[in-house]
Every structure is written in C-alpha cells, then in structure tokens.
Amino acid sequence: CFITGVAGFIGSHLADRLLSLGYRVVGVDNLLLGRRENLAPALAHPEFRFEALDVNDSEACLSFLRAESAHAPIETVWHLAANSDIQAGGNDPDVDLRLTFMTTYNVLKLMQALQIPQIVFASTSAIYGEHAGLLREDTGPLFPISNYGAMKLASEGIITAALERFLKRAWIFRFPNVVGGRATHGAIYDFIKKLRRNPAELEVLGDGTQEKPYLHVGELIDAMTFLFQQFQDRLNYFNVAPGASATTVRFIAEAVVKAVSPGAKIHYTGGAKGWVGDVSRFSYSIEKIQAAGWSPRLTSNEAVELAIRENLQPPAASH
C-alpha cells in the first residue's frame, strides 16, 4: 500500500493499522501539517518506508515509488493528502486547489504511470453542502459551500472518470469530523492550544450551537479497513459516522475547559457559523455502512471525550 499524507493525524493511524494487518506500507508527506513523530511506531516496523515528499512533486514521487515497487508492486493507494484547514482555504482558494484537488490529480497520474489499479480516497461531508435532514450517499444536489468541499467533490469526479480510463477499483469514504490522538487541527486541538496560551478565557467562533457528528479516528480506521477488505465493487462509496448522534461546539468547549483549565470563561463570538464555508449542523445516515456489517461503538460525545483525554497525553503515550 502507498499512503499519501502518511505523517498526518489519520494517515499515521492508518499506517499502523495496515502494518498490523500484514501489508507492506510506503508513504509520503510534505510535513506541512504532518509530523514525523506520528510515525514513530511505523518507522520501527521493517515493512514500512517513508519519504518526506510532496505528492505534487510528480518526478520525485515517481522515482521513489518506482524504487519501492521494484521488488513488489504497489497494489493500492490510500490518498489522504489534502488541506485540512478549511478556514485557510476560505481565505486563499489556491490552498485547496493546490493541496486538495491537485494532489488527487497528480496521484492519479502516478497511478496510471505505474499501473497501480486501486485507490482509497478520503472524502468529506463537506461535498454535500447544506441540506436539511440526514445526509445519505445519494443526497443531492451537491452544492458545497467551502473551497475544501468543492475540491473534494472535484476529486471524487476525477477518480470516477479514471475508472473509465485505467483504474480497476475505487473506494470513496466520506468522513465527518474526526477526532483522536495525534490531531493536527480541529476544535479540540484549537481549544487546548488557546487555553494553554490564555488559561483564563476560551474564545469560541460562533454561538456554540453548531452541531455535527464526531467520529473517533480508531473507529474510522476500523470502518475503512473493514470496507476495503469486504467490498470489491468497481466503485465503493460510504458515509462513515457515529450513527445519528452529534455534538455541539458548546459541549466540546465546556469539556475542554473542564479538562484543561477549570473555571476559564468561555467567550462566544456569535453567529450561527464559525467561519465562511462552515456547515454549522448536519447529520449522517449510516444505513448503508450498517447494512454492510459495520457499526460504531462510540457516540459522538463519547468520541469527543476520549479524544480530549488523548490530546492531553504526551506524544509518546498517544501511540
């Protein structure tokens, strides 16, 4: 397996799991958000190889992958490299063009050059835009309201087009908000950073009523690897989420304050949205993934509480 964004929050957990399942894993990361220390367990494994590369550097990646596949061909690309800072993409649309869409475009070019037949793509709830009611895999029309969601949707489009040209098989997993140890972004990560900077007050964007499903990274990896092994259709696509449960920003803020700086005041900036492009509330239907044989164990609130504990541990403990 080849993982893009392997040193990131989700990529590093995925590498650990695939290695434990007996796969040989090679990975690249530009280390903009990924951290080399996230790879400590993987780097100790004899079947893992890492190179600090940007997947948009096609020549360097092609050279690396040719060398790594010389004695054993790469069968599957797990494409996780993307911009994960939605606010940054709102301020500068080039961020998501370069780091979210072009990474997918260039990964597909690498796959065609090396005749790699399968891709697993990390997509997002942001492709759906704003809809009332449960989001199902066939919900439409799809009108994303963030550059991030738009470039993820465009990425899904060029992957399905590649199925017509050369790809044998694709899995598309639409993530909700994912939380857990090794996080590099997100509300929990941001709140902990803010409170360490100012233990007396926590500023929270919006009014705290924003409500979304939060899934623990361990359960996300469980779902992805289960579906990858069990489903072999030409195109496999699933929402992955913690059932019908969801968590408010107020719950997260109060839980982080309790854990980090009890007594700190919470200041809400106001408004229904935290930032431009923020889908302030949504809920996923997971009927399709449950019918496939996978169900989450944790509710959204339980995932958040576990993630807060994990993010307060020293880095070595989170492994």
C-alpha atoms as a PDB file:
ATOM      1  CA  CYS A   1       0.000   0.000   0.000  1.00  0.00           C
ATOM      2  CA  PHE A   2       1.033   3.583  -0.684  1.00  0.00           C
ATOM      3  CA  ILE A   3      -0.309   6.252   1.710  1.00  0.00           C
ATOM      4  CA  THR A   4      -0.229   9.955   0.862  1.00  0.00           C
ATOM      5  CA  GLY A   5      -0.283  12.257   3.886  1.00  0.00           C
ATOM      6  CA  VAL A   6       1.088   9.378   5.945  1.00  0.00           C
ATOM      7  CA  ALA A   7       2.528  11.529   8.761  1.00  0.00           C
ATOM      8  CA  GLY A   8      -0.771  13.269   9.366  1.00  0.00           C
ATOM      9  CA  PHE A   9      -3.396  12.624  12.009  1.00  0.00           C
ATOM     10  CA  ILE A  10      -5.374   9.965  10.123  1.00  0.00           C
ATOM     11  CA  GLY A  11      -2.572   8.792   7.824  1.00  0.00           C
ATOM     12  CA  SER A  12      -0.286   7.753  10.668  1.00  0.00           C
ATOM     13  CA  HIS A  13      -3.037   5.759  12.384  1.00  0.00           C
ATOM     14  CA  LEU A  14      -3.841   4.105   9.049  1.00  0.00           C
ATOM     15  CA  ALA A  15      -0.190   3.146   8.539  1.00  0.00           C
ATOM     16  CA  ASP A  16      -0.104   1.469  11.966  1.00  0.00           C
ATOM     17  CA  ARG A  17      -3.262  -0.496  11.198  1.00  0.00           C
ATOM     18  CA  LEU A  18      -2.236  -1.654   7.724  1.00  0.00           C
ATOM     19  CA  LEU A  19       1.136  -2.798   9.058  1.00  0.00           C
ATOM     20  CA  SER A  20      -0.623  -4.744  11.823  1.00  0.00           C
ATOM     21  CA  LEU A  21      -2.775  -6.419   9.153  1.00  0.00           C
ATOM     22  CA  GLY A  22       0.331  -7.636   7.325  1.00  0.00           C
ATOM     23  CA  TYR A  23       0.583  -5.110   4.497  1.00  0.00           C
ATOM     24  CA  ARG A  24       3.836  -3.597   3.321  1.00  0.00           C
ATOM     25  CA  VAL A  25       3.379   0.182   3.506  1.00  0.00           C
ATOM     26  CA  VAL A  26       5.206   3.038   1.826  1.00  0.00           C
ATOM     27  CA  GLY A  27       4.227   6.635   2.430  1.00  0.00           C
ATOM     28  CA  VAL A  28       4.986  10.263   1.688  1.00  0.00           C
ATOM     29  CA  ASP A  29       4.128  13.514   3.449  1.00  0.00           C
ATOM     30  CA  ASN A  30       5.161  17.118   2.841  1.00  0.00           C
ATOM     31  CA  LEU A  31       5.199  17.659   6.646  1.00  0.00           C
ATOM     32  CA  LEU A  32       3.243  20.916   6.443  1.00  0.00           C
ATOM     33  CA  LEU A  33       0.749  19.546   8.963  1.00  0.00           C
ATOM     34  CA  GLY A  34       2.030  16.000   9.327  1.00  0.00           C
ATOM     35  CA  ARG A  35       4.612  15.250  11.984  1.00  0.00           C
ATOM     36  CA  ARG A  36       7.483  12.818  11.783  1.00  0.00           C
ATOM     37  CA  GLU A  37       6.908  11.824  15.427  1.00  0.00           C
ATOM     38  CA  ASN A  38       3.464  10.481  14.464  1.00  0.00           C
ATOM     39  CA  LEU A  39       5.336   7.798  12.515  1.00  0.00           C
ATOM     40  CA  ALA A  40       7.418   6.537  15.442  1.00  0.00           C
ATOM     41  CA  PRO A  41       5.654   3.129  15.638  1.00  0.00           C
ATOM     42  CA  ALA A  42       5.611   2.683  11.844  1.00  0.00           C
ATOM     43  CA  LEU A  43       9.261   3.651  11.387  1.00  0.00           C
ATOM     44  CA  ALA A  44      10.212   0.869  13.788  1.00  0.00           C
ATOM     45  CA  HIS A  45       8.450  -1.668  11.540  1.00  0.00           C
ATOM     46  CA  PRO A  46      10.554  -3.486   8.907  1.00  0.00           C
ATOM     47  CA  GLU A  47       7.757  -3.313   6.320  1.00  0.00           C
ATOM     48  CA  PHE A  48       7.421   0.488   6.341  1.00  0.00           C
ATOM     49  CA  ARG A  49       9.200   3.076   4.188  1.00  0.00           C
ATOM     50  CA  PHE A  50       8.782   6.845   4.423  1.00  0.00           C
ATOM     51  CA  GLU A  51       9.982   9.746   2.334  1.00  0.00           C
ATOM     52  CA  ALA A  52       9.373  13.453   3.031  1.00  0.00           C
ATOM     53  CA  LEU A  53       7.879  14.371  -0.354  1.00  0.00           C
ATOM     54  CA  ASP A  54       5.038  16.443  -1.733  1.00  0.00           C
ATOM     55  CA  VAL A  55       2.770  14.367  -3.974  1.00  0.00           C
ATOM     56  CA  ASN A  56       2.566  17.370  -6.300  1.00  0.00           C
ATOM     57  CA  ASP A  57       6.281  16.836  -6.998  1.00  0.00           C
ATOM     58  CA  SER A  58       5.459  14.188  -9.571  1.00  0.00           C
ATOM     59  CA  GLU A  59       9.005  13.408 -10.707  1.00  0.00           C
ATOM     60  CA  ALA A  60      10.336  12.865  -7.168  1.00  0.00           C
ATOM     61  CA  CYS A  61       7.332  10.723  -6.189  1.00  0.00           C
ATOM     62  CA  LEU A  62       7.574   8.679  -9.381  1.00  0.00           C
ATOM     63  CA  SER A  63      11.238   7.983  -8.713  1.00  0.00           C
ATOM     64  CA  PHE A  64      10.520   6.997  -5.087  1.00  0.00           C
ATOM     65  CA  LEU A  65       7.624   4.710  -5.996  1.00  0.00           C
ATOM     66  CA  ARG A  66       9.482   3.055  -8.870  1.00  0.00           C
ATOM     67  CA  ALA A  67      12.302   2.164  -6.500  1.00  0.00           C
ATOM     68  CA  GLU A  68       9.900   0.917  -3.814  1.00  0.00           C
ATOM     69  CA  SER A  69       7.809  -1.162  -6.217  1.00  0.00           C
ATOM     70  CA  ALA A  70      10.791  -2.768  -7.957  1.00  0.00           C
ATOM     71  CA  HIS A  71      10.638  -5.924  -5.851  1.00  0.00           C
ATOM     72  CA  ALA A  72       6.905  -5.868  -5.006  1.00  0.00           C
ATOM     73  CA  PRO A  73       4.275  -3.904  -6.969  1.00  0.00           C
ATOM     74  CA  ILE A  74       2.082  -1.369  -5.184  1.00  0.00           C
ATOM     75  CA  GLU A  75      -1.496  -2.620  -5.287  1.00  0.00           C
ATOM     76  CA  THR A  76      -3.439   0.190  -3.620  1.00  0.00           C
ATOM     77  CA  VAL A  77      -3.068   3.933  -3.000  1.00  0.00           C
ATOM     78  CA  TRP A  78      -4.689   5.334   0.141  1.00  0.00           C
ATOM     79  CA  HIS A  79      -4.964   9.015  -0.752  1.00  0.00           C
ATOM     80  CA  LEU A  80      -5.244  11.156   2.391  1.00  0.00           C
ATOM     81  CA  ALA A  81      -3.013  14.118   1.462  1.00  0.00           C
ATOM     82  CA  ALA A  82      -5.122  17.300   1.430  1.00  0.00           C
ATOM     83  CA  ASN A  83      -5.525  20.678   3.018  1.00  0.00           C
ATOM     84  CA  SER A  84      -7.305  20.149   6.321  1.00  0.00           C
ATOM     85  CA  ASP A  85      -7.511  23.813   7.326  1.00  0.00           C
ATOM     86  CA  ILE A  86     -10.893  24.802   5.884  1.00  0.00           C
ATOM     87  CA  GLN A  87     -10.584  28.400   7.109  1.00  0.00           C
ATOM     88  CA  ALA A  88      -7.236  28.811   5.305  1.00  0.00           C
ATOM     89  CA  GLY A  89      -8.854  27.565   2.100  1.00  0.00           C
ATOM     90  CA  GLY A  90     -11.622  30.126   2.545  1.00  0.00           C
ATOM     91  CA  ASN A  91      -9.099  32.931   2.808  1.00  0.00           C
ATOM     92  CA  ASP A  92      -6.994  31.727  -0.137  1.00  0.00           C
ATOM     93  CA  PRO A  93      -8.696  29.483  -2.741  1.00  0.00           C
ATOM     94  CA  ASP A  94      -5.303  28.438  -4.126  1.00  0.00           C
ATOM     95  CA  VAL A  95      -4.720  26.420  -0.939  1.00  0.00           C
ATOM     96  CA  ASP A  96      -7.412  23.844  -1.730  1.00  0.00           C
ATOM     97  CA  LEU A  97      -6.717  23.901  -5.456  1.00  0.00           C
ATOM     98  CA  ARG A  98      -3.072  23.012  -4.799  1.00  0.00           C
ATOM     99  CA  LEU A  99      -3.295  20.781  -1.728  1.00  0.00           C
ATOM    100  CA  THR A 100      -6.698  19.114  -2.152  1.00  0.00           C
ATOM    101  CA  PHE A 101      -7.515  18.858  -5.879  1.00  0.00           C
ATOM    102  CA  MET A 102      -4.078  18.845  -7.487  1.00  0.00           C
ATOM    103  CA  THR A 103      -2.823  16.184  -5.068  1.00  0.00           C
ATOM    104  CA  THR A 104      -5.618  13.906  -6.309  1.00  0.00           C
ATOM    105  CA  TYR A 105      -4.937  14.812  -9.933  1.00  0.00           C
ATOM    106  CA  ASN A 106      -1.231  14.084  -9.579  1.00  0.00           C
ATOM    107  CA  VAL A 107      -1.779  10.879  -7.590  1.00  0.00           C
ATOM    108  CA  LEU A 108      -3.928   9.551 -10.429  1.00  0.00           C
ATOM    109  CA  LYS A 109      -1.184  10.410 -12.925  1.00  0.00           C
ATOM    110  CA  LEU A 110       1.308   8.475 -10.781  1.00  0.00           C
ATOM    111  CA  MET A 111      -1.071   5.539 -10.594  1.00  0.00           C
ATOM    112  CA  GLN A 112      -1.504   5.441 -14.363  1.00  0.00           C
ATOM    113  CA  ALA A 113       2.249   5.641 -14.949  1.00  0.00           C
ATOM    114  CA  LEU A 114       2.927   2.800 -12.503  1.00  0.00           C
ATOM    115  CA  GLN A 115      -0.206   0.791 -13.348  1.00  0.00           C
ATOM    116  CA  ILE A 116      -1.480   0.824  -9.762  1.00  0.00           C
ATOM    117  CA  PRO A 117      -5.057  -0.491 -10.037  1.00  0.00           C
ATOM    118  CA  GLN A 118      -6.829   0.625  -6.839  1.00  0.00           C
ATOM    119  CA  ILE A 119      -7.402   3.845  -4.876  1.00  0.00           C
ATOM    120  CA  VAL A 120      -8.977   4.555  -1.493  1.00  0.00           C
ATOM    121  CA  PHE A 121      -9.959   8.208  -1.199  1.00  0.00           C
ATOM    122  CA  ALA A 122     -10.595  10.235   1.951  1.00  0.00           C
ATOM    123  CA  SER A 123     -13.573  12.428   1.084  1.00  0.00           C
ATOM    124  CA  THR A 124     -15.774  14.510   3.351  1.00  0.00           C
ATOM    125  CA  SER A 125     -19.257  15.519   4.437  1.00  0.00           C
ATOM    126  CA  ALA A 126     -18.403  18.964   3.021  1.00  0.00           C
ATOM    127  CA  ILE A 127     -19.188  17.742  -0.513  1.00  0.00           C
ATOM    128  CA  TYR A 128     -22.919  17.732   0.321  1.00  0.00           C
ATOM    129  CA  GLY A 129     -23.228  21.410   1.197  1.00  0.00           C
ATOM    130  CA  GLU A 130     -26.221  22.455   3.304  1.00  0.00           C
ATOM    131  CA  HIS A 131     -29.173  20.051   3.457  1.00  0.00           C
ATOM    132  CA  ALA A 132     -31.990  19.535   5.938  1.00  0.00           C
ATOM    133  CA  GLY A 133     -32.355  16.026   7.341  1.00  0.00           C
ATOM    134  CA  LEU A 134     -29.997  13.061   7.230  1.00  0.00           C
ATOM    135  CA  LEU A 135     -27.264  13.056   4.601  1.00  0.00           C
ATOM    136  CA  ARG A 136     -27.345   9.834   2.605  1.00  0.00           C
ATOM    137  CA  GLU A 137     -24.905   8.699  -0.059  1.00  0.00           C
ATOM    138  CA  ASP A 138     -27.476   9.614  -2.734  1.00  0.00           C
ATOM    139  CA  THR A 139     -28.350  13.036  -1.248  1.00  0.00           C
ATOM    140  CA  GLY A 140     -28.334  15.788  -3.825  1.00  0.00           C
ATOM    141  CA  PRO A 141     -27.922  18.149  -5.499  1.00  0.00           C
ATOM    142  CA  LEU A 142     -24.350  18.578  -4.298  1.00  0.00           C
ATOM    143  CA  PHE A 143     -23.509  22.253  -3.810  1.00  0.00           C
ATOM    144  CA  PRO A 144     -20.539  22.582  -1.408  1.00  0.00           C
ATOM    145  CA  ILE A 145     -20.172  25.936   0.361  1.00  0.00           C
ATOM    146  CA  SER A 146     -16.422  25.723   1.078  1.00  0.00           C
ATOM    147  CA  ASN A 147     -13.458  25.562  -1.286  1.00  0.00           C
ATOM    148  CA  TYR A 148     -12.385  22.453   0.629  1.00  0.00           C
ATOM    149  CA  GLY A 149     -15.708  20.690  -0.076  1.00  0.00           C
ATOM    150  CA  ALA A 150     -15.654  21.819  -3.701  1.00  0.00           C
ATOM    151  CA  MET A 151     -12.162  20.444  -4.312  1.00  0.00           C
ATOM    152  CA  LYS A 152     -13.010  17.165  -2.555  1.00  0.00           C
ATOM    153  CA  LEU A 153     -16.089  16.817  -4.773  1.00  0.00           C
ATOM    154  CA  ALA A 154     -13.974  17.577  -7.841  1.00  0.00           C
ATOM    155  CA  SER A 155     -11.530  14.916  -6.657  1.00  0.00           C
ATOM    156  CA  GLU A 156     -14.332  12.351  -6.452  1.00  0.00           C
ATOM    157  CA  GLY A 157     -15.217  13.313 -10.011  1.00  0.00           C
ATOM    158  CA  ILE A 158     -11.765  12.729 -11.479  1.00  0.00           C
ATOM    159  CA  ILE A 159     -11.482   9.420  -9.590  1.00  0.00           C
ATOM    160  CA  THR A 160     -14.717   8.125 -11.115  1.00  0.00           C
ATOM    161  CA  ALA A 161     -13.543   9.389 -14.523  1.00  0.00           C
ATOM    162  CA  ALA A 162     -10.292   7.459 -14.020  1.00  0.00           C
ATOM    163  CA  LEU A 163     -12.365   4.285 -13.502  1.00  0.00           C
ATOM    164  CA  GLU A 164     -13.418   4.664 -17.129  1.00  0.00           C
ATOM    165  CA  ARG A 165      -9.841   5.087 -18.296  1.00  0.00           C
ATOM    166  CA  PHE A 166      -7.496   2.844 -16.315  1.00  0.00           C
ATOM    167  CA  LEU A 167      -8.444   2.283 -12.667  1.00  0.00           C
ATOM    168  CA  LYS A 168      -9.756  -1.118 -11.701  1.00  0.00           C
ATOM    169  CA  ARG A 169     -11.404  -0.218  -8.384  1.00  0.00           C
ATOM    170  CA  ALA A 170     -12.059   2.747  -6.051  1.00  0.00           C
ATOM    171  CA  TRP A 171     -13.311   3.239  -2.516  1.00  0.00           C
ATOM    172  CA  ILE A 172     -14.598   6.686  -1.510  1.00  0.00           C
ATOM    173  CA  PHE A 173     -15.160   7.294   2.194  1.00  0.00           C
ATOM    174  CA  ARG A 174     -16.961  10.486   3.248  1.00  0.00           C
ATOM    175  CA  PHE A 175     -15.697  11.441   6.694  1.00  0.00           C
ATOM    176  CA  PRO A 176     -17.485  13.556   9.305  1.00  0.00           C
ATOM    177  CA  ASN A 177     -15.389  15.436  11.885  1.00  0.00           C
ATOM    178  CA  VAL A 178     -12.686  13.008  13.030  1.00  0.00           C
ATOM    179  CA  VAL A 179     -11.063  13.279  16.473  1.00  0.00           C
ATOM    180  CA  GLY A 180      -8.411  11.454  18.494  1.00  0.00           C
ATOM    181  CA  GLY A 181      -4.739  11.339  19.423  1.00  0.00           C
ATOM    182  CA  ARG A 182      -2.127  12.929  17.097  1.00  0.00           C
ATOM    183  CA  ALA A 183      -4.650  15.529  15.884  1.00  0.00           C
ATOM    184  CA  THR A 184      -3.151  18.474  13.997  1.00  0.00           C
ATOM    185  CA  HIS A 185      -6.298  20.590  13.667  1.00  0.00           C
ATOM    186  CA  GLY A 186      -9.949  20.786  14.686  1.00  0.00           C
ATOM    187  CA  ALA A 187     -11.969  22.251  17.554  1.00  0.00           C
ATOM    188  CA  ILE A 188     -10.439  20.133  20.328  1.00  0.00           C
ATOM    189  CA  TYR A 189      -6.894  20.842  19.158  1.00  0.00           C
ATOM    190  CA  ASP A 190      -7.600  24.571  18.776  1.00  0.00           C
ATOM    191  CA  PHE A 191      -9.346  24.899  22.156  1.00  0.00           C
ATOM    192  CA  ILE A 192      -6.493  23.176  24.003  1.00  0.00           C
ATOM    193  CA  LYS A 193      -3.950  25.473  22.299  1.00  0.00           C
ATOM    194  CA  LYS A 194      -5.986  28.587  23.162  1.00  0.00           C
ATOM    195  CA  LEU A 195      -6.372  27.613  26.809  1.00  0.00           C
ATOM    196  CA  ARG A 196      -2.692  26.875  27.200  1.00  0.00           C
ATOM    197  CA  ARG A 197      -1.994  30.336  25.802  1.00  0.00           C
ATOM    198  CA  ASN A 198      -4.638  32.004  27.997  1.00  0.00           C
ATOM    199  CA  PRO A 199      -5.933  29.760  30.815  1.00  0.00           C
ATOM    200  CA  ALA A 200      -8.443  32.411  31.922  1.00  0.00           C
ATOM    201  CA  GLU A 201     -10.612  32.575  28.792  1.00  0.00           C
ATOM    202  CA  LEU A 202     -11.527  30.477  25.767  1.00  0.00           C
ATOM    203  CA  GLU A 203     -12.705  32.242  22.622  1.00  0.00           C
ATOM    204  CA  VAL A 204     -15.089  30.125  20.537  1.00  0.00           C
ATOM    205  CA  LEU A 205     -16.113  31.069  16.990  1.00  0.00           C
ATOM    206  CA  GLY A 206     -19.881  31.175  16.528  1.00  0.00           C
ATOM    207  CA  ASP A 207     -22.558  30.861  19.210  1.00  0.00           C
ATOM    208  CA  GLY A 208     -21.795  27.308  20.324  1.00  0.00           C
ATOM    209  CA  THR A 209     -24.949  25.782  18.842  1.00  0.00           C
ATOM    210  CA  GLN A 210     -23.163  24.385  15.795  1.00  0.00           C
ATOM    211  CA  GLU A 211     -23.803  20.628  15.908  1.00  0.00           C
ATOM    212  CA  LYS A 212     -22.033  17.889  13.960  1.00  0.00           C
ATOM    213  CA  PRO A 213     -21.155  14.188  14.264  1.00  0.00           C
ATOM    214  CA  TYR A 214     -17.667  13.462  15.630  1.00  0.00           C
ATOM    215  CA  LEU A 215     -16.057  10.075  14.956  1.00  0.00           C
ATOM    216  CA  HIS A 216     -13.026   8.696  16.780  1.00  0.00           C
ATOM    217  CA  VAL A 217     -10.067   8.033  14.479  1.00  0.00           C
ATOM    218  CA  GLY A 218      -9.816   4.425  15.687  1.00  0.00           C
ATOM    219  CA  GLU A 219     -13.367   3.742  14.555  1.00  0.00           C
ATOM    220  CA  LEU A 220     -12.740   5.487  11.244  1.00  0.00           C
ATOM    221  CA  ILE A 221      -9.757   3.206  10.592  1.00  0.00           C
ATOM    222  CA  ASP A 222     -11.843   0.187  11.631  1.00  0.00           C
ATOM    223  CA  ALA A 223     -14.536   1.133   9.120  1.00  0.00           C
ATOM    224  CA  MET A 224     -12.166   1.904   6.242  1.00  0.00           C
ATOM    225  CA  THR A 225     -10.132  -1.282   6.558  1.00  0.00           C
ATOM    226  CA  PHE A 226     -13.283  -3.394   7.018  1.00  0.00           C
ATOM    227  CA  LEU A 227     -14.946  -1.975   3.903  1.00  0.00           C
ATOM    228  CA  PHE A 228     -11.719  -2.178   1.898  1.00  0.00           C
ATOM    229  CA  GLN A 229     -11.372  -5.884   2.660  1.00  0.00           C
ATOM    230  CA  GLN A 230     -15.049  -6.785   2.321  1.00  0.00           C
ATOM    231  CA  PHE A 231     -16.192  -4.834  -0.740  1.00  0.00           C
ATOM    232  CA  GLN A 232     -14.719  -5.303  -4.182  1.00  0.00           C
ATOM    233  CA  ASP A 233     -17.157  -3.466  -6.439  1.00  0.00           C
ATOM    234  CA  ARG A 234     -15.731  -1.232  -9.122  1.00  0.00           C
ATOM    235  CA  LEU A 235     -16.899   1.826  -7.152  1.00  0.00           C
ATOM    236  CA  ASN A 236     -17.486   1.572  -3.400  1.00  0.00           C
ATOM    237  CA  TYR A 237     -18.656   4.697  -1.556  1.00  0.00           C
ATOM    238  CA  PHE A 238     -19.832   5.130   2.026  1.00  0.00           C
ATOM    239  CA  ASN A 239     -20.610   7.710   4.665  1.00  0.00           C
ATOM    240  CA  VAL A 240     -18.685   6.893   7.845  1.00  0.00           C
ATOM    241  CA  ALA A 241     -20.049   8.371  11.087  1.00  0.00           C
ATOM    242  CA  PRO A 242     -21.054   7.676  14.707  1.00  0.00           C
ATOM    243  CA  GLY A 243     -24.682   6.871  13.946  1.00  0.00           C
ATOM    244  CA  ALA A 244     -27.359   9.502  14.465  1.00  0.00           C
ATOM    245  CA  SER A 245     -25.523  11.142  17.372  1.00  0.00           C
ATOM    246  CA  ALA A 246     -23.930  14.596  17.126  1.00  0.00           C
ATOM    247  CA  THR A 247     -22.085  17.045  19.382  1.00  0.00           C
ATOM    248  CA  THR A 248     -22.438  20.789  19.859  1.00  0.00           C
ATOM    249  CA  VAL A 249     -19.474  23.143  19.898  1.00  0.00           C
ATOM    250  CA  ARG A 250     -20.656  24.235  23.359  1.00  0.00           C
ATOM    251  CA  PHE A 251     -20.261  20.644  24.635  1.00  0.00           C
ATOM    252  CA  ILE A 252     -16.712  20.482  23.255  1.00  0.00           C
ATOM    253  CA  ALA A 253     -15.762  23.874  24.696  1.00  0.00           C
ATOM    254  CA  GLU A 254     -17.108  23.039  28.166  1.00  0.00           C
ATOM    255  CA  ALA A 255     -15.457  19.593  28.167  1.00  0.00           C
ATOM    256  CA  VAL A 256     -12.067  21.032  27.148  1.00  0.00           C
ATOM    257  CA  VAL A 257     -12.302  23.794  29.769  1.00  0.00           C
ATOM    258  CA  LYS A 258     -13.129  21.209  32.449  1.00  0.00           C
ATOM    259  CA  ALA A 259     -10.110  19.099  31.438  1.00  0.00           C
ATOM    260  CA  VAL A 260      -7.558  21.856  30.812  1.00  0.00           C
ATOM    261  CA  SER A 261      -8.449  24.955  32.814  1.00  0.00           C
ATOM    262  CA  PRO A 262     -11.489  24.606  35.114  1.00  0.00           C
ATOM    263  CA  GLY A 263     -13.033  27.967  35.791  1.00  0.00           C
ATOM    264  CA  ALA A 264     -11.981  29.556  32.499  1.00  0.00           C
ATOM    265  CA  LYS A 265     -14.670  31.756  30.959  1.00  0.00           C
ATOM    266  CA  ILE A 266     -15.976  30.849  27.510  1.00  0.00           C
ATOM    267  CA  HIS A 267     -16.488  33.755  25.121  1.00  0.00           C
ATOM    268  CA  TYR A 268     -18.615  33.055  22.051  1.00  0.00           C
ATOM    269  CA  THR A 269     -18.069  35.407  19.116  1.00  0.00           C
ATOM    270  CA  GLY A 270     -21.692  34.942  17.995  1.00  0.00           C
ATOM    271  CA  GLY A 271     -23.440  33.928  14.811  1.00  0.00           C
ATOM    272  CA  ALA A 272     -24.681  30.563  13.582  1.00  0.00           C
ATOM    273  CA  LYS A 273     -21.455  29.794  11.702  1.00  0.00           C
ATOM    274  CA  GLY A 274     -17.899  29.616  12.961  1.00  0.00           C
ATOM    275  CA  TRP A 275     -16.373  30.820   9.677  1.00  0.00           C
ATOM    276  CA  VAL A 276     -17.124  31.280   5.978  1.00  0.00           C
ATOM    277  CA  GLY A 277     -17.826  27.850   4.473  1.00  0.00           C
ATOM    278  CA  ASP A 278     -18.754  26.237   7.796  1.00  0.00           C
ATOM    279  CA  VAL A 279     -21.731  23.870   7.557  1.00  0.00           C
ATOM    280  CA  SER A 280     -22.993  24.634  11.044  1.00  0.00           C
ATOM    281  CA  ARG A 281     -25.055  21.493  11.523  1.00  0.00           C
ATOM    282  CA  PHE A 282     -25.555  18.227   9.710  1.00  0.00           C
ATOM    283  CA  SER A 283     -26.251  14.589  10.452  1.00  0.00           C
ATOM    284  CA  TYR A 284     -25.303  11.469   8.550  1.00  0.00           C
ATOM    285  CA  SER A 285     -27.320   8.418   7.671  1.00  0.00           C
ATOM    286  CA  ILE A 286     -25.142   5.325   8.130  1.00  0.00           C
ATOM    287  CA  GLU A 287     -27.779   2.836   6.943  1.00  0.00           C
ATOM    288  CA  LYS A 288     -25.568   1.777   4.049  1.00  0.00           C
ATOM    289  CA  ILE A 289     -22.470   1.081   6.146  1.00  0.00           C
ATOM    290  CA  GLN A 290     -24.520  -0.690   8.826  1.00  0.00           C
ATOM    291  CA  ALA A 291     -26.132  -2.887   6.171  1.00  0.00           C
ATOM    292  CA  ALA A 292     -22.578  -3.693   5.026  1.00  0.00           C
ATOM    293  CA  GLY A 293     -21.788  -5.036   8.501  1.00  0.00           C
ATOM    294  CA  TRP A 294     -20.060  -2.200  10.370  1.00  0.00           C
ATOM    295  CA  SER A 295     -21.424  -0.087  13.227  1.00  0.00           C
ATOM    296  CA  PRO A 296     -19.718   2.437  15.537  1.00  0.00           C
ATOM    297  CA  ARG A 297     -19.237   1.649  19.221  1.00  0.00           C
ATOM    298  CA  LEU A 298     -18.894   5.225  20.498  1.00  0.00           C
ATOM    299  CA  THR A 299     -21.429   8.031  20.367  1.00  0.00           C
ATOM    300  CA  SER A 300     -20.264  11.398  19.088  1.00  0.00           C
ATOM    301  CA  ASN A 301     -19.982  12.807  22.642  1.00  0.00           C
ATOM    302  CA  GLU A 302     -18.035   9.731  23.805  1.00  0.00           C
ATOM    303  CA  ALA A 303     -15.623  10.116  20.887  1.00  0.00           C
ATOM    304  CA  VAL A 304     -15.049  13.766  21.817  1.00  0.00           C
ATOM    305  CA  GLU A 305     -14.418  12.960  25.488  1.00  0.00           C
ATOM    306  CA  LEU A 306     -11.950  10.203  24.580  1.00  0.00           C
ATOM    307  CA  ALA A 307     -10.178  12.487  22.100  1.00  0.00           C
ATOM    308  CA  ILE A 308      -9.756  15.225  24.714  1.00  0.00           C
ATOM    309  CA  ARG A 309      -8.030  12.746  27.048  1.00  0.00           C
ATOM    310  CA  GLU A 310      -5.801  11.515  24.210  1.00  0.00           C
ATOM    311  CA  ASN A 311      -4.817  15.017  23.109  1.00  0.00           C
ATOM    312  CA  LEU A 312      -3.742  15.876  26.643  1.00  0.00           C
ATOM    313  CA  GLN A 313      -1.373  12.922  26.817  1.00  0.00           C
ATOM    314  CA  PRO A 314       2.308  13.366  25.888  1.00  0.00           C
ATOM    315  CA  PRO A 315       3.004  12.382  22.234  1.00  0.00           C
ATOM    316  CA  ALA A 316       4.644   9.062  23.141  1.00  0.00           C
ATOM    317  CA  ALA A 317       1.590   7.988  25.141  1.00  0.00           C
ATOM    318  CA  SER A 318      -0.763   8.623  22.223  1.00  0.00           C
ATOM    319  CA  HIS A 319       0.891   5.810  20.300  1.00  0.00           C
END
